[in-house]
Amino acid sequence: MADFCSAVDSWIMRLWTVRFRRLAEGPNPAEEAALEREFMYGRMMAYVYWITISGICFLGTVKPF
């Protein structure tokens, strides 16, 4: 899971550097919309990652199995 999330994070971050360079040249509604989508996707991936880690920590603490 960690490898998948780090791969997704680096994929998103690489796209962000390209998009921010294009936005530095001037306003671009298409780039802004794409960046907003990627922010939302990254945020959702972070929530899934945090919830998964929290669940594993909880199960490790209570040891129900």
N, C-alpha and C. Protein backbone atom coordinates (compact mmCIF):
# COMPACT_ATOMS: atom_id res chain seq x y z
N MET A 1 0.83 -1.20 0.00
CA MET A 1 0.00 0.00 0.00
C MET A 1 0.87 1.25 0.00
N ALA A 2 1.91 1.25 0.80
CA ALA A 2 2.77 2.42 0.88
C ALA A 2 3.46 2.69 -0.46
N ASP A 3 3.89 1.62 -1.14
CA ASP A 3 4.53 1.80 -2.44
C ASP A 3 3.56 2.39 -3.45
N PHE A 4 2.31 1.93 -3.41
CA PHE A 4 1.30 2.45 -4.32
C PHE A 4 1.05 3.93 -4.05
N CYS A 5 0.90 4.28 -2.78
CA CYS A 5 0.63 5.68 -2.43
C CYS A 5 1.80 6.58 -2.77
N SER A 6 3.02 6.11 -2.53
CA SER A 6 4.17 6.95 -2.88
C SER A 6 4.30 7.10 -4.39
N ALA A 7 3.92 6.06 -5.14
CA ALA A 7 3.96 6.15 -6.60
C ALA A 7 2.92 7.15 -7.09
N VAL A 8 1.72 7.11 -6.50
CA VAL A 8 0.66 8.05 -6.88
C VAL A 8 1.06 9.46 -6.49
N ASP A 9 1.64 9.62 -5.29
CA ASP A 9 2.07 10.95 -4.85
C ASP A 9 3.11 11.53 -5.79
N SER A 10 4.10 10.73 -6.18
CA SER A 10 5.14 11.27 -7.07
C SER A 10 4.57 11.54 -8.46
N TRP A 11 3.60 10.74 -8.90
CA TRP A 11 2.95 10.99 -10.18
C TRP A 11 2.21 12.32 -10.14
N ILE A 12 1.45 12.55 -9.07
CA ILE A 12 0.70 13.81 -8.94
C ILE A 12 1.67 14.98 -8.82
N MET A 13 2.70 14.83 -8.01
CA MET A 13 3.64 15.93 -7.80
C MET A 13 4.37 16.30 -9.09
N ARG A 14 4.69 15.30 -9.93
CA ARG A 14 5.32 15.61 -11.21
C ARG A 14 4.38 16.41 -12.09
N LEU A 15 3.11 16.04 -12.09
CA LEU A 15 2.14 16.80 -12.88
C LEU A 15 1.99 18.22 -12.35
N TRP A 16 2.05 18.37 -11.03
CA TRP A 16 1.90 19.70 -10.45
C TRP A 16 3.02 20.62 -10.87
N THR A 17 4.25 20.13 -10.94
CA THR A 17 5.36 21.01 -11.32
C THR A 17 5.15 21.53 -12.74
N VAL A 18 4.68 20.67 -13.63
CA VAL A 18 4.41 21.09 -15.01
C VAL A 18 3.28 22.11 -15.04
N ARG A 19 2.23 21.82 -14.30
CA ARG A 19 1.06 22.72 -14.31
C ARG A 19 1.40 24.09 -13.70
N PHE A 20 2.16 24.09 -12.60
CA PHE A 20 2.53 25.37 -11.99
C PHE A 20 3.43 26.19 -12.91
N ARG A 21 4.30 25.53 -13.66
CA ARG A 21 5.12 26.28 -14.62
C ARG A 21 4.26 26.92 -15.70
N ARG A 22 3.26 26.17 -16.18
CA ARG A 22 2.37 26.73 -17.19
C ARG A 22 1.53 27.87 -16.62
N LEU A 23 1.11 27.74 -15.37
CA LEU A 23 0.32 28.81 -14.74
C LEU A 23 1.17 30.05 -14.47
N ALA A 24 2.48 29.86 -14.27
CA ALA A 24 3.36 31.00 -14.05
C ALA A 24 3.46 31.87 -15.29
N GLU A 25 3.20 31.29 -16.46
CA GLU A 25 3.25 32.05 -17.71
C GLU A 25 2.04 32.96 -17.85
N GLY A 26 0.98 32.65 -17.15
CA GLY A 26 -0.23 33.47 -17.23
C GLY A 26 -1.46 32.62 -16.92
N PRO A 27 -2.60 33.27 -16.77
CA PRO A 27 -3.83 32.54 -16.45
C PRO A 27 -4.18 31.52 -17.54
N ASN A 28 -4.57 30.34 -17.09
CA ASN A 28 -4.94 29.28 -18.01
C ASN A 28 -6.06 28.47 -17.35
N PRO A 29 -7.31 28.70 -17.73
CA PRO A 29 -8.43 28.02 -17.08
C PRO A 29 -8.37 26.49 -17.17
N ALA A 30 -7.86 25.97 -18.27
CA ALA A 30 -7.78 24.51 -18.41
C ALA A 30 -6.79 23.93 -17.41
N GLU A 31 -5.65 24.58 -17.24
CA GLU A 31 -4.65 24.11 -16.28
C GLU A 31 -5.17 24.25 -14.85
N GLU A 32 -5.86 25.34 -14.57
CA GLU A 32 -6.42 25.53 -13.23
C GLU A 32 -7.45 24.46 -12.91
N ALA A 33 -8.30 24.12 -13.87
CA ALA A 33 -9.31 23.07 -13.65
C ALA A 33 -8.63 21.72 -13.44
N ALA A 34 -7.61 21.43 -14.23
CA ALA A 34 -6.89 20.16 -14.08
C ALA A 34 -6.19 20.10 -12.72
N LEU A 35 -5.61 21.21 -12.32
CA LEU A 35 -4.92 21.26 -11.03
C LEU A 35 -5.91 21.06 -9.88
N GLU A 36 -7.08 21.65 -10.00
CA GLU A 36 -8.12 21.49 -8.98
C GLU A 36 -8.56 20.03 -8.88
N ARG A 37 -8.72 19.36 -10.03
CA ARG A 37 -9.06 17.93 -10.03
C ARG A 37 -7.97 17.11 -9.36
N GLU A 38 -6.72 17.42 -9.67
CA GLU A 38 -5.61 16.67 -9.08
C GLU A 38 -5.49 16.93 -7.59
N PHE A 39 -5.79 18.15 -7.14
CA PHE A 39 -5.82 18.42 -5.70
C PHE A 39 -6.87 17.54 -5.01
N MET A 40 -8.05 17.46 -5.63
CA MET A 40 -9.11 16.65 -5.04
C MET A 40 -8.71 15.17 -5.02
N TYR A 41 -8.13 14.70 -6.11
CA TYR A 41 -7.69 13.31 -6.18
C TYR A 41 -6.62 13.03 -5.13
N GLY A 42 -5.67 13.91 -5.00
CA GLY A 42 -4.61 13.75 -4.00
C GLY A 42 -5.16 13.78 -2.59
N ARG A 43 -6.12 14.66 -2.34
CA ARG A 43 -6.74 14.74 -1.02
C ARG A 43 -7.48 13.45 -0.69
N MET A 44 -8.22 12.92 -1.66
CA MET A 44 -8.94 11.66 -1.44
C MET A 44 -7.97 10.51 -1.19
N MET A 45 -6.88 10.47 -1.94
CA MET A 45 -5.88 9.42 -1.72
C MET A 45 -5.26 9.55 -0.33
N ALA A 46 -5.03 10.76 0.13
CA ALA A 46 -4.48 10.97 1.47
C ALA A 46 -5.47 10.49 2.52
N TYR A 47 -6.76 10.78 2.34
CA TYR A 47 -7.76 10.32 3.30
C TYR A 47 -7.80 8.80 3.36
N VAL A 48 -7.78 8.15 2.22
CA VAL A 48 -7.78 6.68 2.19
C VAL A 48 -6.53 6.15 2.89
N TYR A 49 -5.41 6.76 2.64
CA TYR A 49 -4.15 6.34 3.25
C TYR A 49 -4.21 6.50 4.76
N TRP A 50 -4.69 7.66 5.25
CA TRP A 50 -4.77 7.90 6.69
C TRP A 50 -5.76 6.97 7.37
N ILE A 51 -6.89 6.74 6.74
CA ILE A 51 -7.90 5.84 7.32
C ILE A 51 -7.36 4.42 7.38
N THR A 52 -6.65 3.99 6.34
CA THR A 52 -6.06 2.66 6.35
C THR A 52 -5.03 2.52 7.46
N ILE A 53 -4.17 3.50 7.61
CA ILE A 53 -3.16 3.46 8.67
C ILE A 53 -3.83 3.46 10.04
N SER A 54 -4.86 4.29 10.22
CA SER A 54 -5.58 4.33 11.50
C SER A 54 -6.22 2.99 11.80
N GLY A 55 -6.82 2.37 10.81
CA GLY A 55 -7.44 1.06 11.01
C GLY A 55 -6.43 0.01 11.39
N ILE A 56 -5.28 0.02 10.74
CA ILE A 56 -4.23 -0.95 11.07
C ILE A 56 -3.69 -0.70 12.48
N CYS A 57 -3.54 0.56 12.84
CA CYS A 57 -3.08 0.89 14.21
C CYS A 57 -4.11 0.43 15.24
N PHE A 58 -5.37 0.63 14.96
CA PHE A 58 -6.42 0.19 15.87
C PHE A 58 -6.40 -1.32 16.02
N LEU A 59 -6.34 -2.03 14.91
CA LEU A 59 -6.31 -3.49 14.98
C LEU A 59 -5.04 -3.99 15.67
N GLY A 60 -3.93 -3.32 15.48
CA GLY A 60 -2.70 -3.70 16.17
C GLY A 60 -2.76 -3.46 17.65
N THR A 61 -3.56 -2.46 18.07
CA THR A 61 -3.68 -2.14 19.49
C THR A 61 -4.62 -3.11 20.20
N VAL A 62 -5.79 -3.37 19.62
CA VAL A 62 -6.78 -4.21 20.28
C VAL A 62 -6.55 -5.70 20.03
N LYS A 63 -5.79 -6.04 19.00
CA LYS A 63 -5.44 -7.42 18.65
C LYS A 63 -6.66 -8.35 18.72
N PRO A 64 -7.68 -8.13 17.87
CA PRO A 64 -8.87 -8.96 17.94
C PRO A 64 -8.68 -10.35 17.37
N PHE A 65 -7.60 -10.62 16.65
CA PHE A 65 -7.39 -11.93 16.03
C PHE A 65 -6.40 -12.76 16.78
